PDB file of N, CA and C in Angstrom:
ATOM      1  N   MET A   1     -47.232  39.408   8.050  1.00  0.00           N
ATOM      2  CA  MET A   1     -46.585  39.221   6.765  1.00  0.00           C
ATOM      3  C   MET A   1     -47.289  38.088   6.014  1.00  0.00           C
ATOM      4  N   SER A   2     -47.681  38.351   4.784  1.00  0.00           N
ATOM      5  CA  SER A   2     -48.323  37.306   3.985  1.00  0.00           C
ATOM      6  C   SER A   2     -47.268  36.530   3.199  1.00  0.00           C
ATOM      7  N   ILE A   3     -47.564  35.275   3.033  1.00  0.00           N
ATOM      8  CA  ILE A   3     -46.656  34.404   2.289  1.00  0.00           C
ATOM      9  C   ILE A   3     -47.127  34.351   0.843  1.00  0.00           C
ATOM     10  N   LYS A   4     -46.207  34.524  -0.055  1.00  0.00           N
ATOM     11  CA  LYS A   4     -46.496  34.452  -1.490  1.00  0.00           C
ATOM     12  C   LYS A   4     -46.006  33.117  -2.034  1.00  0.00           C
ATOM     13  N   ALA A   5     -46.743  32.599  -2.975  1.00  0.00           N
ATOM     14  CA  ALA A   5     -46.344  31.343  -3.621  1.00  0.00           C
ATOM     15  C   ALA A   5     -46.164  31.597  -5.113  1.00  0.00           C
ATOM     16  N   ILE A   6     -45.193  30.939  -5.671  1.00  0.00           N
ATOM     17  CA  ILE A   6     -44.981  31.018  -7.115  1.00  0.00           C
ATOM     18  C   ILE A   6     -44.877  29.603  -7.666  1.00  0.00           C
ATOM     19  N   ALA A   7     -45.172  29.482  -8.922  1.00  0.00           N
ATOM     20  CA  ALA A   7     -44.991  28.204  -9.616  1.00  0.00           C
ATOM     21  C   ALA A   7     -43.775  28.342 -10.512  1.00  0.00           C
ATOM     22  N   LEU A   8     -42.817  27.504 -10.309  1.00  0.00           N
ATOM     23  CA  LEU A   8     -41.599  27.516 -11.106  1.00  0.00           C
ATOM     24  C   LEU A   8     -41.714  26.411 -12.152  1.00  0.00           C
ATOM     25  N   THR A   9     -41.770  26.798 -13.423  1.00  0.00           N
ATOM     26  CA  THR A   9     -41.952  25.813 -14.489  1.00  0.00           C
ATOM     27  C   THR A   9     -40.848  25.941 -15.524  1.00  0.00           C
ATOM     28  N   PHE A  10     -40.547  24.814 -16.145  1.00  0.00           N
ATOM     29  CA  PHE A  10     -39.540  24.760 -17.198  1.00  0.00           C
ATOM     30  C   PHE A  10     -40.066  23.906 -18.339  1.00  0.00           C
ATOM     31  N   ASP A  11     -39.842  24.334 -19.565  1.00  0.00           N
ATOM     32  CA  ASP A  11     -40.133  23.506 -20.734  1.00  0.00           C
ATOM     33  C   ASP A  11     -38.875  22.708 -21.033  1.00  0.00           C
ATOM     34  N   TYR A  12     -38.980  21.410 -20.943  1.00  0.00           N
ATOM     35  CA  TYR A  12     -37.845  20.519 -21.208  1.00  0.00           C
ATOM     36  C   TYR A  12     -37.935  20.122 -22.675  1.00  0.00           C
ATOM     37  N   GLU A  13     -37.260  20.913 -23.504  1.00  0.00           N
ATOM     38  CA  GLU A  13     -37.364  20.714 -24.944  1.00  0.00           C
ATOM     39  C   GLU A  13     -36.076  21.147 -25.621  1.00  0.00           C
ATOM     40  N   LEU A  14     -35.885  20.637 -26.803  1.00  0.00           N
ATOM     41  CA  LEU A  14     -34.728  20.990 -27.608  1.00  0.00           C
ATOM     42  C   LEU A  14     -35.186  21.896 -28.730  1.00  0.00           C
ATOM     43  N   PHE A  15     -34.490  23.017 -28.915  1.00  0.00           N
ATOM     44  CA  PHE A  15     -34.814  23.904 -30.020  1.00  0.00           C
ATOM     45  C   PHE A  15     -34.500  23.192 -31.319  1.00  0.00           C
ATOM     46  N   LEU A  16     -35.412  23.290 -32.239  1.00  0.00           N
ATOM     47  CA  LEU A  16     -35.264  22.605 -33.519  1.00  0.00           C
ATOM     48  C   LEU A  16     -35.267  23.645 -34.623  1.00  0.00           C
ATOM     49  N   GLY A  17     -34.174  23.771 -35.320  1.00  0.00           N
ATOM     50  CA  GLY A  17     -34.119  24.738 -36.404  1.00  0.00           C
ATOM     51  C   GLY A  17     -32.699  25.097 -36.767  1.00  0.00           C
ATOM     52  N   LYS A  18     -32.563  26.185 -37.457  1.00  0.00           N
ATOM     53  CA  LYS A  18     -31.288  26.607 -38.022  1.00  0.00           C
ATOM     54  C   LYS A  18     -30.173  26.766 -36.979  1.00  0.00           C
ATOM     55  N   ASN A  19     -30.485  27.297 -35.816  1.00  0.00           N
ATOM     56  CA  ASN A  19     -29.467  27.544 -34.798  1.00  0.00           C
ATOM     57  C   ASN A  19     -29.464  26.481 -33.701  1.00  0.00           C
ATOM     58  N   HIS A  20     -29.894  25.314 -34.029  1.00  0.00           N
ATOM     59  CA  HIS A  20     -29.997  24.210 -33.078  1.00  0.00           C
ATOM     60  C   HIS A  20     -28.610  23.791 -32.581  1.00  0.00           C
ATOM     61  N   ALA A  21     -28.552  23.399 -31.315  1.00  0.00           N
ATOM     62  CA  ALA A  21     -27.296  22.945 -30.710  1.00  0.00           C
ATOM     63  C   ALA A  21     -27.514  21.545 -30.130  1.00  0.00           C
ATOM     64  N   PRO A  22     -26.439  20.823 -29.845  1.00  0.00           N
ATOM     65  CA  PRO A  22     -26.578  19.459 -29.321  1.00  0.00           C
ATOM     66  C   PRO A  22     -27.348  19.412 -27.997  1.00  0.00           C
ATOM     67  N   ALA A  23     -28.151  18.369 -27.825  1.00  0.00           N
ATOM     68  CA  ALA A  23     -28.959  18.208 -26.613  1.00  0.00           C
ATOM     69  C   ALA A  23     -28.093  18.175 -25.358  1.00  0.00           C
ATOM     70  N   GLN A  24     -26.932  17.574 -25.440  1.00  0.00           N
ATOM     71  CA  GLN A  24     -26.052  17.505 -24.270  1.00  0.00           C
ATOM     72  C   GLN A  24     -25.697  18.907 -23.780  1.00  0.00           C
ATOM     73  N   ASP A  25     -25.440  19.824 -24.714  1.00  0.00           N
ATOM     74  CA  ASP A  25     -25.004  21.177 -24.359  1.00  0.00           C
ATOM     75  C   ASP A  25     -26.132  22.090 -23.888  1.00  0.00           C
ATOM     76  N   VAL A  26     -27.305  21.938 -24.471  1.00  0.00           N
ATOM     77  CA  VAL A  26     -28.370  22.907 -24.192  1.00  0.00           C
ATOM     78  C   VAL A  26     -29.560  22.348 -23.421  1.00  0.00           C
ATOM     79  N   LEU A  27     -29.563  21.054 -23.166  1.00  0.00           N
ATOM     80  CA  LEU A  27     -30.692  20.460 -22.460  1.00  0.00           C
ATOM     81  C   LEU A  27     -30.223  19.592 -21.283  1.00  0.00           C
ATOM     82  N   ILE A  28     -29.418  18.600 -21.551  1.00  0.00           N
ATOM     83  CA  ILE A  28     -29.064  17.606 -20.539  1.00  0.00           C
ATOM     84  C   ILE A  28     -28.146  18.194 -19.462  1.00  0.00           C
ATOM     85  N   THR A  29     -27.011  18.781 -19.854  1.00  0.00           N
ATOM     86  CA  THR A  29     -26.081  19.347 -18.869  1.00  0.00           C
ATOM     87  C   THR A  29     -26.711  20.494 -18.085  1.00  0.00           C
ATOM     88  N   PRO A  30     -27.352  21.472 -18.749  1.00  0.00           N
ATOM     89  CA  PRO A  30     -27.970  22.551 -17.963  1.00  0.00           C
ATOM     90  C   PRO A  30     -29.061  22.051 -17.008  1.00  0.00           C
ATOM     91  N   THR A  31     -29.836  21.069 -17.434  1.00  0.00           N
ATOM     92  CA  THR A  31     -30.891  20.542 -16.563  1.00  0.00           C
ATOM     93  C   THR A  31     -30.295  19.823 -15.368  1.00  0.00           C
ATOM     94  N   THR A  32     -29.230  19.078 -15.588  1.00  0.00           N
ATOM     95  CA  THR A  32     -28.547  18.406 -14.480  1.00  0.00           C
ATOM     96  C   THR A  32     -28.051  19.437 -13.465  1.00  0.00           C
ATOM     97  N   GLN A  33     -27.480  20.535 -13.954  1.00  0.00           N
ATOM     98  CA  GLN A  33     -27.005  21.599 -13.062  1.00  0.00           C
ATOM     99  C   GLN A  33     -28.173  22.270 -12.337  1.00  0.00           C
ATOM    100  N   LEU A  34     -29.254  22.517 -13.047  1.00  0.00           N
ATOM    101  CA  LEU A  34     -30.441  23.125 -12.450  1.00  0.00           C
ATOM    102  C   LEU A  34     -31.011  22.225 -11.355  1.00  0.00           C
ATOM    103  N   LEU A  35     -31.108  20.931 -11.632  1.00  0.00           N
ATOM    104  CA  LEU A  35     -31.627  19.988 -10.638  1.00  0.00           C
ATOM    105  C   LEU A  35     -30.751  19.968  -9.388  1.00  0.00           C
ATOM    106  N   SER A  36     -29.469  20.099  -9.570  1.00  0.00           N
ATOM    107  CA  SER A  36     -28.553  20.148  -8.430  1.00  0.00           C
ATOM    108  C   SER A  36     -28.840  21.373  -7.567  1.00  0.00           C
ATOM    109  N   GLU A  37     -29.039  22.516  -8.199  1.00  0.00           N
ATOM    110  CA  GLU A  37     -29.333  23.750  -7.450  1.00  0.00           C
ATOM    111  C   GLU A  37     -30.694  23.682  -6.771  1.00  0.00           C
ATOM    112  N   LEU A  38     -31.686  23.128  -7.458  1.00  0.00           N
ATOM    113  CA  LEU A  38     -33.011  22.991  -6.854  1.00  0.00           C
ATOM    114  C   LEU A  38     -32.949  22.076  -5.636  1.00  0.00           C
ATOM    115  N   LYS A  39     -32.163  21.035  -5.729  1.00  0.00           N
ATOM    116  CA  LYS A  39     -32.015  20.099  -4.605  1.00  0.00           C
ATOM    117  C   LYS A  39     -31.388  20.800  -3.400  1.00  0.00           C
ATOM    118  N   LYS A  40     -30.362  21.619  -3.647  1.00  0.00           N
ATOM    119  CA  LYS A  40     -29.692  22.348  -2.557  1.00  0.00           C
ATOM    120  C   LYS A  40     -30.661  23.261  -1.817  1.00  0.00           C
ATOM    121  N   THR A  41     -31.553  23.893  -2.555  1.00  0.00           N
ATOM    122  CA  THR A  41     -32.467  24.870  -1.956  1.00  0.00           C
ATOM    123  C   THR A  41     -33.788  24.268  -1.504  1.00  0.00           C
ATOM    124  N   GLY A  42     -34.067  23.035  -1.917  1.00  0.00           N
ATOM    125  CA  GLY A  42     -35.323  22.398  -1.561  1.00  0.00           C
ATOM    126  C   GLY A  42     -36.514  22.903  -2.361  1.00  0.00           C
ATOM    127  N   VAL A  43     -36.242  23.647  -3.411  1.00  0.00           N
ATOM    128  CA  VAL A  43     -37.307  24.199  -4.249  1.00  0.00           C
ATOM    129  C   VAL A  43     -37.788  23.129  -5.233  1.00  0.00           C
ATOM    130  N   LYS A  44     -39.095  23.049  -5.390  1.00  0.00           N
ATOM    131  CA  LYS A  44     -39.688  22.112  -6.353  1.00  0.00           C
ATOM    132  C   LYS A  44     -40.180  22.879  -7.571  1.00  0.00           C
ATOM    133  N   ALA A  45     -40.149  22.209  -8.706  1.00  0.00           N
ATOM    134  CA  ALA A  45     -40.555  22.829  -9.969  1.00  0.00           C
ATOM    135  C   ALA A  45     -41.402  21.844 -10.762  1.00  0.00           C
ATOM    136  N   THR A  46     -41.996  22.352 -11.809  1.00  0.00           N
ATOM    137  CA  THR A  46     -42.713  21.516 -12.768  1.00  0.00           C
ATOM    138  C   THR A  46     -41.955  21.562 -14.077  1.00  0.00           C
ATOM    139  N   PHE A  47     -41.673  20.400 -14.629  1.00  0.00           N
ATOM    140  CA  PHE A  47     -40.983  20.290 -15.910  1.00  0.00           C
ATOM    141  C   PHE A  47     -41.970  19.761 -16.937  1.00  0.00           C
ATOM    142  N   PHE A  48     -42.152  20.516 -18.009  1.00  0.00           N
ATOM    143  CA  PHE A  48     -43.019  20.086 -19.098  1.00  0.00           C
ATOM    144  C   PHE A  48     -42.149  19.410 -20.150  1.00  0.00           C
ATOM    145  N   ILE A  49     -42.307  18.105 -20.281  1.00  0.00           N
ATOM    146  CA  ILE A  49     -41.466  17.281 -21.142  1.00  0.00           C
ATOM    147  C   ILE A  49     -42.046  17.228 -22.555  1.00  0.00           C
ATOM    148  N   ASP A  50     -41.202  17.552 -23.543  1.00  0.00           N
ATOM    149  CA  ASP A  50     -41.629  17.494 -24.952  1.00  0.00           C
ATOM    150  C   ASP A  50     -41.607  16.032 -25.407  1.00  0.00           C
ATOM    151  N   LEU A  51     -42.766  15.407 -25.351  1.00  0.00           N
ATOM    152  CA  LEU A  51     -42.849  13.983 -25.685  1.00  0.00           C
ATOM    153  C   LEU A  51     -42.627  13.692 -27.161  1.00  0.00           C
ATOM    154  N   THR A  52     -42.983  14.618 -28.037  1.00  0.00           N
ATOM    155  CA  THR A  52     -42.774  14.367 -29.468  1.00  0.00           C
ATOM    156  C   THR A  52     -41.283  14.276 -29.798  1.00  0.00           C
ATOM    157  N   TYR A  53     -40.475  15.030 -29.094  1.00  0.00           N
ATOM    158  CA  TYR A  53     -39.023  14.950 -29.255  1.00  0.00           C
ATOM    159  C   TYR A  53     -38.538  13.558 -28.852  1.00  0.00           C
ATOM    160  N   LEU A  54     -38.989  13.077 -27.694  1.00  0.00           N
ATOM    161  CA  LEU A  54     -38.568  11.744 -27.242  1.00  0.00           C
ATOM    162  C   LEU A  54     -39.029  10.647 -28.189  1.00  0.00           C
ATOM    163  N   LEU A  55     -40.260  10.761 -28.658  1.00  0.00           N
ATOM    164  CA  LEU A  55     -40.777   9.759 -29.597  1.00  0.00           C
ATOM    165  C   LEU A  55     -39.994   9.767 -30.905  1.00  0.00           C
ATOM    166  N   ARG A  56     -39.612  10.954 -31.367  1.00  0.00           N
ATOM    167  CA  ARG A  56     -38.855  11.060 -32.623  1.00  0.00           C
ATOM    168  C   ARG A  56     -37.456  10.460 -32.477  1.00  0.00           C
ATOM    169  N   ILE A  57     -36.836  10.682 -31.325  1.00  0.00           N
ATOM    170  CA  ILE A  57     -35.525  10.060 -31.085  1.00  0.00           C
ATOM    171  C   ILE A  57     -35.649   8.544 -31.201  1.00  0.00           C
ATOM    172  N   ARG A  58     -36.645   7.972 -30.539  1.00  0.00           N
ATOM    173  CA  ARG A  58     -36.820   6.516 -30.566  1.00  0.00           C
ATOM    174  C   ARG A  58     -37.094   6.020 -31.983  1.00  0.00           C
ATOM    175  N   GLU A  59     -37.924   6.736 -32.705  1.00  0.00           N
ATOM    176  CA  GLU A  59     -38.262   6.319 -34.061  1.00  0.00           C
ATOM    177  C   GLU A  59     -37.038   6.332 -34.975  1.00  0.00           C
ATOM    178  N   VAL A  60     -36.265   7.407 -34.926  1.00  0.00           N
ATOM    179  CA  VAL A  60     -35.070   7.505 -35.771  1.00  0.00           C
ATOM    180  C   VAL A  60     -34.033   6.482 -35.330  1.00  0.00           C
ATOM    181  N   GLN A  61     -33.882   6.295 -34.030  1.00  0.00           N
ATOM    182  CA  GLN A  61     -32.929   5.306 -33.520  1.00  0.00           C
ATOM    183  C   GLN A  61     -33.284   3.912 -34.023  1.00  0.00           C
ATOM    184  N   ARG A  62     -34.551   3.587 -34.004  1.00  0.00           N
ATOM    185  CA  ARG A  62     -34.984   2.251 -34.447  1.00  0.00           C
ATOM    186  C   ARG A  62     -34.809   2.046 -35.948  1.00  0.00           C
ATOM    187  N   THR A  63     -35.044   3.091 -36.725  1.00  0.00           N
ATOM    188  CA  THR A  63     -34.979   2.940 -38.175  1.00  0.00           C
ATOM    189  C   THR A  63     -33.580   3.157 -38.736  1.00  0.00           C
ATOM    190  N   GLN A  64     -32.764   3.986 -38.091  1.00  0.00           N
ATOM    191  CA  GLN A  64     -31.439   4.306 -38.619  1.00  0.00           C
ATOM    192  C   GLN A  64     -30.301   3.783 -37.748  1.00  0.00           C
ATOM    193  N   ASN A  65     -30.618   3.306 -36.538  1.00  0.00           N
ATOM    194  CA  ASN A  65     -29.623   2.794 -35.611  1.00  0.00           C
ATOM    195  C   ASN A  65     -28.464   3.769 -35.413  1.00  0.00           C
ATOM    196  N   VAL A  66     -28.789   4.975 -34.969  1.00  0.00           N
ATOM    197  CA  VAL A  66     -27.802   6.036 -34.758  1.00  0.00           C
ATOM    198  C   VAL A  66     -27.350   6.002 -33.297  1.00  0.00           C
ATOM    199  N   ALA A  67     -26.133   5.561 -33.057  1.00  0.00           N
ATOM    200  CA  ALA A  67     -25.629   5.384 -31.689  1.00  0.00           C
ATOM    201  C   ALA A  67     -25.713   6.650 -30.837  1.00  0.00           C
ATOM    202  N   PRO A  68     -25.339   7.827 -31.343  1.00  0.00           N
ATOM    203  CA  PRO A  68     -25.434   9.028 -30.499  1.00  0.00           C
ATOM    204  C   PRO A  68     -26.856   9.303 -30.015  1.00  0.00           C
ATOM    205  N   LEU A  69     -27.850   8.929 -30.811  1.00  0.00           N
ATOM    206  CA  LEU A  69     -29.234   9.152 -30.387  1.00  0.00           C
ATOM    207  C   LEU A  69     -29.617   8.233 -29.230  1.00  0.00           C
ATOM    208  N   GLU A  70     -29.069   7.040 -29.197  1.00  0.00           N
ATOM    209  CA  GLU A  70     -29.342   6.135 -28.074  1.00  0.00           C
ATOM    210  C   GLU A  70     -28.799   6.735 -26.784  1.00  0.00           C
ATOM    211  N   LYS A  71     -27.597   7.288 -26.846  1.00  0.00           N
ATOM    212  CA  LYS A  71     -27.011   7.935 -25.659  1.00  0.00           C
ATOM    213  C   LYS A  71     -27.829   9.149 -25.267  1.00  0.00           C
ATOM    214  N   GLU A  72     -28.217   9.954 -26.240  1.00  0.00           N
ATOM    215  CA  GLU A  72     -29.036  11.141 -25.967  1.00  0.00           C
ATOM    216  C   GLU A  72     -30.333  10.733 -25.272  1.00  0.00           C
ATOM    217  N   TYR A  73     -30.973   9.707 -25.784  1.00  0.00           N
ATOM    218  CA  TYR A  73     -32.226   9.229 -25.219  1.00  0.00           C
ATOM    219  C   TYR A  73     -32.028   8.749 -23.776  1.00  0.00           C
ATOM    220  N   GLN A  74     -30.984   7.976 -23.537  1.00  0.00           N
ATOM    221  CA  GLN A  74     -30.714   7.470 -22.187  1.00  0.00           C
ATOM    222  C   GLN A  74     -30.386   8.610 -21.221  1.00  0.00           C
ATOM    223  N   ASP A  75     -29.636   9.604 -21.689  1.00  0.00           N
ATOM    224  CA  ASP A  75     -29.309  10.759 -20.845  1.00  0.00           C
ATOM    225  C   ASP A  75     -30.572  11.554 -20.495  1.00  0.00           C
ATOM    226  N   ILE A  76     -31.480  11.677 -21.443  1.00  0.00           N
ATOM    227  CA  ILE A  76     -32.742  12.373 -21.186  1.00  0.00           C
ATOM    228  C   ILE A  76     -33.573  11.591 -20.178  1.00  0.00           C
ATOM    229  N   LEU A  77     -33.637  10.278 -20.337  1.00  0.00           N
ATOM    230  CA  LEU A  77     -34.373   9.469 -19.369  1.00  0.00           C
ATOM    231  C   LEU A  77     -33.778   9.604 -17.968  1.00  0.00           C
ATOM    232  N   GLU A  78     -32.466   9.721 -17.885  1.00  0.00           N
ATOM    233  CA  GLU A  78     -31.827   9.914 -16.581  1.00  0.00           C
ATOM    234  C   GLU A  78     -32.206  11.274 -16.005  1.00  0.00           C
ATOM    235  N   ASN A  79     -32.223  12.331 -16.833  1.00  0.00           N
ATOM    236  CA  ASN A  79     -32.678  13.646 -16.370  1.00  0.00           C
ATOM    237  C   ASN A  79     -34.093  13.556 -15.808  1.00  0.00           C
ATOM    238  N   ILE A  80     -34.974  12.900 -16.548  1.00  0.00           N
ATOM    239  CA  ILE A  80     -36.373  12.783 -16.130  1.00  0.00           C
ATOM    240  C   ILE A  80     -36.474  11.959 -14.844  1.00  0.00           C
ATOM    241  N   SER A  81     -35.711  10.886 -14.741  1.00  0.00           N
ATOM    242  CA  SER A  81     -35.704  10.070 -13.525  1.00  0.00           C
ATOM    243  C   SER A  81     -35.228  10.884 -12.323  1.00  0.00           C
ATOM    244  N   GLN A  82     -34.228  11.723 -12.541  1.00  0.00           N
ATOM    245  CA  GLN A  82     -33.718  12.582 -11.472  1.00  0.00           C
ATOM    246  C   GLN A  82     -34.805  13.567 -11.023  1.00  0.00           C
ATOM    247  N   MET A  83     -35.555  14.105 -11.966  1.00  0.00           N
ATOM    248  CA  MET A  83     -36.662  15.009 -11.628  1.00  0.00           C
ATOM    249  C   MET A  83     -37.653  14.299 -10.705  1.00  0.00           C
ATOM    250  N   ILE A  84     -37.993  13.086 -11.080  1.00  0.00           N
ATOM    251  CA  ILE A  84     -38.967  12.304 -10.309  1.00  0.00           C
ATOM    252  C   ILE A  84     -38.417  11.978  -8.919  1.00  0.00           C
ATOM    253  N   ARG A  85     -37.173  11.518  -8.854  1.00  0.00           N
ATOM    254  CA  ARG A  85     -36.573  11.167  -7.557  1.00  0.00           C
ATOM    255  C   ARG A  85     -36.541  12.356  -6.606  1.00  0.00           C
ATOM    256  N   GLN A  86     -36.356  13.553  -7.170  1.00  0.00           N
ATOM    257  CA  GLN A  86     -36.282  14.753  -6.339  1.00  0.00           C
ATOM    258  C   GLN A  86     -37.660  15.333  -6.016  1.00  0.00           C
ATOM    259  N   GLY A  87     -38.714  14.724  -6.532  1.00  0.00           N
ATOM    260  CA  GLY A  87     -40.061  15.155  -6.173  1.00  0.00           C
ATOM    261  C   GLY A  87     -40.635  16.276  -7.007  1.00  0.00           C
ATOM    262  N   HIS A  88     -40.054  16.529  -8.165  1.00  0.00           N
ATOM    263  CA  HIS A  88     -40.590  17.561  -9.057  1.00  0.00           C
ATOM    264  C   HIS A  88     -41.792  17.002  -9.811  1.00  0.00           C
ATOM    265  N   GLU A  89     -42.654  17.894 -10.269  1.00  0.00           N
ATOM    266  CA  GLU A  89     -43.795  17.475 -11.077  1.00  0.00           C
ATOM    267  C   GLU A  89     -43.395  17.439 -12.541  1.00  0.00           C
ATOM    268  N   LEU A  90     -44.028  16.528 -13.282  1.00  0.00           N
ATOM    269  CA  LEU A  90     -43.823  16.451 -14.726  1.00  0.00           C
ATOM    270  C   LEU A  90     -45.149  16.725 -15.414  1.00  0.00           C
ATOM    271  N   GLY A  91     -45.065  17.432 -16.527  1.00  0.00           N
ATOM    272  CA  GLY A  91     -46.237  17.689 -17.348  1.00  0.00           C
ATOM    273  C   GLY A  91     -45.927  17.351 -18.789  1.00  0.00           C
ATOM    274  N   ILE A  92     -46.963  17.206 -19.574  1.00  0.00           N
ATOM    275  CA  ILE A  92     -46.797  16.888 -20.998  1.00  0.00           C
ATOM    276  C   ILE A  92     -46.696  18.176 -21.792  1.00  0.00           C
ATOM    277  N   HIS A  93     -45.768  18.173 -22.710  1.00  0.00           N
ATOM    278  CA  HIS A  93     -45.525  19.309 -23.591  1.00  0.00           C
ATOM    279  C   HIS A  93     -45.156  18.705 -24.939  1.00  0.00           C
ATOM    280  N   PHE A  94     -45.663  19.247 -26.011  1.00  0.00           N
ATOM    281  CA  PHE A  94     -45.257  18.675 -27.290  1.00  0.00           C
ATOM    282  C   PHE A  94     -45.310  19.694 -28.410  1.00  0.00           C
ATOM    283  N   HIS A  95     -44.477  19.432 -29.392  1.00  0.00           N
ATOM    284  CA  HIS A  95     -44.400  20.225 -30.614  1.00  0.00           C
ATOM    285  C   HIS A  95     -44.588  19.262 -31.780  1.00  0.00           C
ATOM    286  N   PRO A  96     -45.716  19.352 -32.476  1.00  0.00           N
ATOM    287  CA  PRO A  96     -46.005  18.383 -33.544  1.00  0.00           C
ATOM    288  C   PRO A  96     -45.040  18.433 -34.722  1.00  0.00           C
ATOM    289  N   HIS A  97     -44.291  19.535 -34.879  1.00  0.00           N
ATOM    290  CA  HIS A  97     -43.372  19.613 -36.022  1.00  0.00           C
ATOM    291  C   HIS A  97     -42.193  18.642 -35.891  1.00  0.00           C
ATOM    292  N   TRP A  98     -41.977  18.058 -34.717  1.00  0.00           N
ATOM    293  CA  TRP A  98     -40.936  17.033 -34.606  1.00  0.00           C
ATOM    294  C   TRP A  98     -41.231  15.856 -35.520  1.00  0.00           C
ATOM    295  N   LYS A  99     -42.503  15.654 -35.820  1.00  0.00           N
ATOM    296  CA  LYS A  99     -42.886  14.561 -36.720  1.00  0.00           C
ATOM    297  C   LYS A  99     -42.207  14.700 -38.080  1.00  0.00           C
ATOM    298  N   ASP A 100     -41.955  15.939 -38.493  1.00  0.00           N
ATOM    299  CA  ASP A 100     -41.338  16.215 -39.789  1.00  0.00           C
ATOM    300  C   ASP A 100     -39.822  16.371 -39.715  1.00  0.00           C
ATOM    301  N   SER A 101     -39.239  16.194 -38.547  1.00  0.00           N
ATOM    302  CA  SER A 101     -37.798  16.392 -38.407  1.00  0.00           C
ATOM    303  C   SER A 101     -37.030  15.176 -38.932  1.00  0.00           C
ATOM    304  N   ASN A 102     -35.804  15.422 -39.307  1.00  0.00           N
ATOM    305  CA  ASN A 102     -34.903  14.362 -39.768  1.00  0.00           C
ATOM    306  C   ASN A 102     -33.561  14.529 -39.078  1.00  0.00           C
ATOM    307  N   TYR A 103     -32.877  13.435 -38.870  1.00  0.00           N
ATOM    308  CA  TYR A 103     -31.560  13.456 -38.252  1.00  0.00           C
ATOM    309  C   TYR A 103     -30.534  13.218 -39.347  1.00  0.00           C
ATOM    310  N   LYS A 104     -29.754  14.268 -39.663  1.00  0.00           N
ATOM    311  CA  LYS A 104     -28.766  14.187 -40.738  1.00  0.00           C
ATOM    312  C   LYS A 104     -27.430  14.725 -40.260  1.00  0.00           C
ATOM    313  N   ASP A 105     -26.389  13.972 -40.489  1.00  0.00           N
ATOM    314  CA  ASP A 105     -25.028  14.413 -40.171  1.00  0.00           C
ATOM    315  C   ASP A 105     -24.887  14.917 -38.737  1.00  0.00           C
ATOM    316  N   GLY A 106     -25.516  14.215 -37.793  1.00  0.00           N
ATOM    317  CA  GLY A 106     -25.379  14.563 -36.390  1.00  0.00           C
ATOM    318  C   GLY A 106     -26.240  15.713 -35.906  1.00  0.00           C
ATOM    319  N   MET A 107     -27.163  16.151 -36.747  1.00  0.00           N
ATOM    320  CA  MET A 107     -28.024  17.270 -36.357  1.00  0.00           C
ATOM    321  C   MET A 107     -29.479  16.982 -36.709  1.00  0.00           C
ATOM    322  N   TRP A 108     -30.373  17.557 -35.936  1.00  0.00           N
ATOM    323  CA  TRP A 108     -31.788  17.507 -36.268  1.00  0.00           C
ATOM    324  C   TRP A 108     -32.085  18.583 -37.284  1.00  0.00           C
ATOM    325  N   VAL A 109     -32.746  18.211 -38.359  1.00  0.00           N
ATOM    326  CA  VAL A 109     -33.072  19.135 -39.442  1.00  0.00           C
ATOM    327  C   VAL A 109     -34.587  19.262 -39.524  1.00  0.00           C
ATOM    328  N   PHE A 110     -35.020  20.479 -39.608  1.00  0.00           N
ATOM    329  CA  PHE A 110     -36.448  20.780 -39.700  1.00  0.00           C
ATOM    330  C   PHE A 110     -36.657  21.548 -40.992  1.00  0.00           C
ATOM    331  N   ASP A 111     -37.214  20.871 -41.991  1.00  0.00           N
ATOM    332  CA  ASP A 111     -37.363  21.534 -43.286  1.00  0.00           C
ATOM    333  C   ASP A 111     -38.788  21.441 -43.834  1.00  0.00           C
ATOM    334  N   SER A 112     -39.742  21.212 -42.944  1.00  0.00           N
ATOM    335  CA  SER A 112     -41.134  21.134 -43.366  1.00  0.00           C
ATOM    336  C   SER A 112     -42.018  21.777 -42.307  1.00  0.00           C
ATOM    337  N   PHE A 113     -43.017  22.485 -42.746  1.00  0.00           N
ATOM    338  CA  PHE A 113     -43.969  23.086 -41.818  1.00  0.00           C
ATOM    339  C   PHE A 113     -45.312  22.362 -41.862  1.00  0.00           C
ATOM    340  N   GLN A 114     -45.342  21.176 -42.430  1.00  0.00           N
ATOM    341  CA  GLN A 114     -46.584  20.439 -42.594  1.00  0.00           C
ATOM    342  C   GLN A 114     -47.294  20.201 -41.258  1.00  0.00           C
ATOM    343  N   ASN A 115     -46.559  19.841 -40.236  1.00  0.00           N
ATOM    344  CA  ASN A 115     -47.159  19.552 -38.932  1.00  0.00           C
ATOM    345  C   ASN A 115     -46.845  20.613 -37.889  1.00  0.00           C
ATOM    346  N   TYR A 116     -46.423  21.793 -38.330  1.00  0.00           N
ATOM    347  CA  TYR A 116     -46.029  22.835 -37.376  1.00  0.00           C
ATOM    348  C   TYR A 116     -47.201  23.292 -36.521  1.00  0.00           C
ATOM    349  N   ALA A 117     -48.356  23.464 -37.129  1.00  0.00           N
ATOM    350  CA  ALA A 117     -49.535  23.886 -36.380  1.00  0.00           C
ATOM    351  C   ALA A 117     -50.254  22.651 -35.828  1.00  0.00           C
ATOM    352  N   LEU A 118     -50.666  22.742 -34.581  1.00  0.00           N
ATOM    353  CA  LEU A 118     -51.289  21.614 -33.904  1.00  0.00           C
ATOM    354  C   LEU A 118     -52.498  21.079 -34.652  1.00  0.00           C
ATOM    355  N   HIS A 119     -53.275  21.952 -35.258  1.00  0.00           N
ATOM    356  CA  HIS A 119     -54.483  21.500 -35.948  1.00  0.00           C
ATOM    357  C   HIS A 119     -54.182  20.651 -37.188  1.00  0.00           C
ATOM    358  N   ASN A 120     -52.941  20.653 -37.662  1.00  0.00           N
ATOM    359  CA  ASN A 120     -52.569  19.812 -38.799  1.00  0.00           C
ATOM    360  C   ASN A 120     -52.341  18.384 -38.346  1.00  0.00           C
TER     361      ASN A 120
END
């Protein structure tokens, strides 16, 4: 019997656009649950972290002092720390259009395509 290997990868990113949902609901809580299941089974994965999202949170937090964003950022760092503690691999993933995003009324708003393409 031959042994097969697979690579289990996840993009750790928040959808940005019209149907966007809070990071706690669609990123942080599901990832915490996923990490729990991976730990139970001993399966390792690679998580590609969207760094432009994290950088944008920090930038908006510093300029607008939005308390919910500080919590979101800390919760994401805890998710990433949990990945590392459990021995998962991390990779870089980014979406340049986060540069054009704005945080308004508790939501991320994406209303420009200026930086949507990487070559821009």
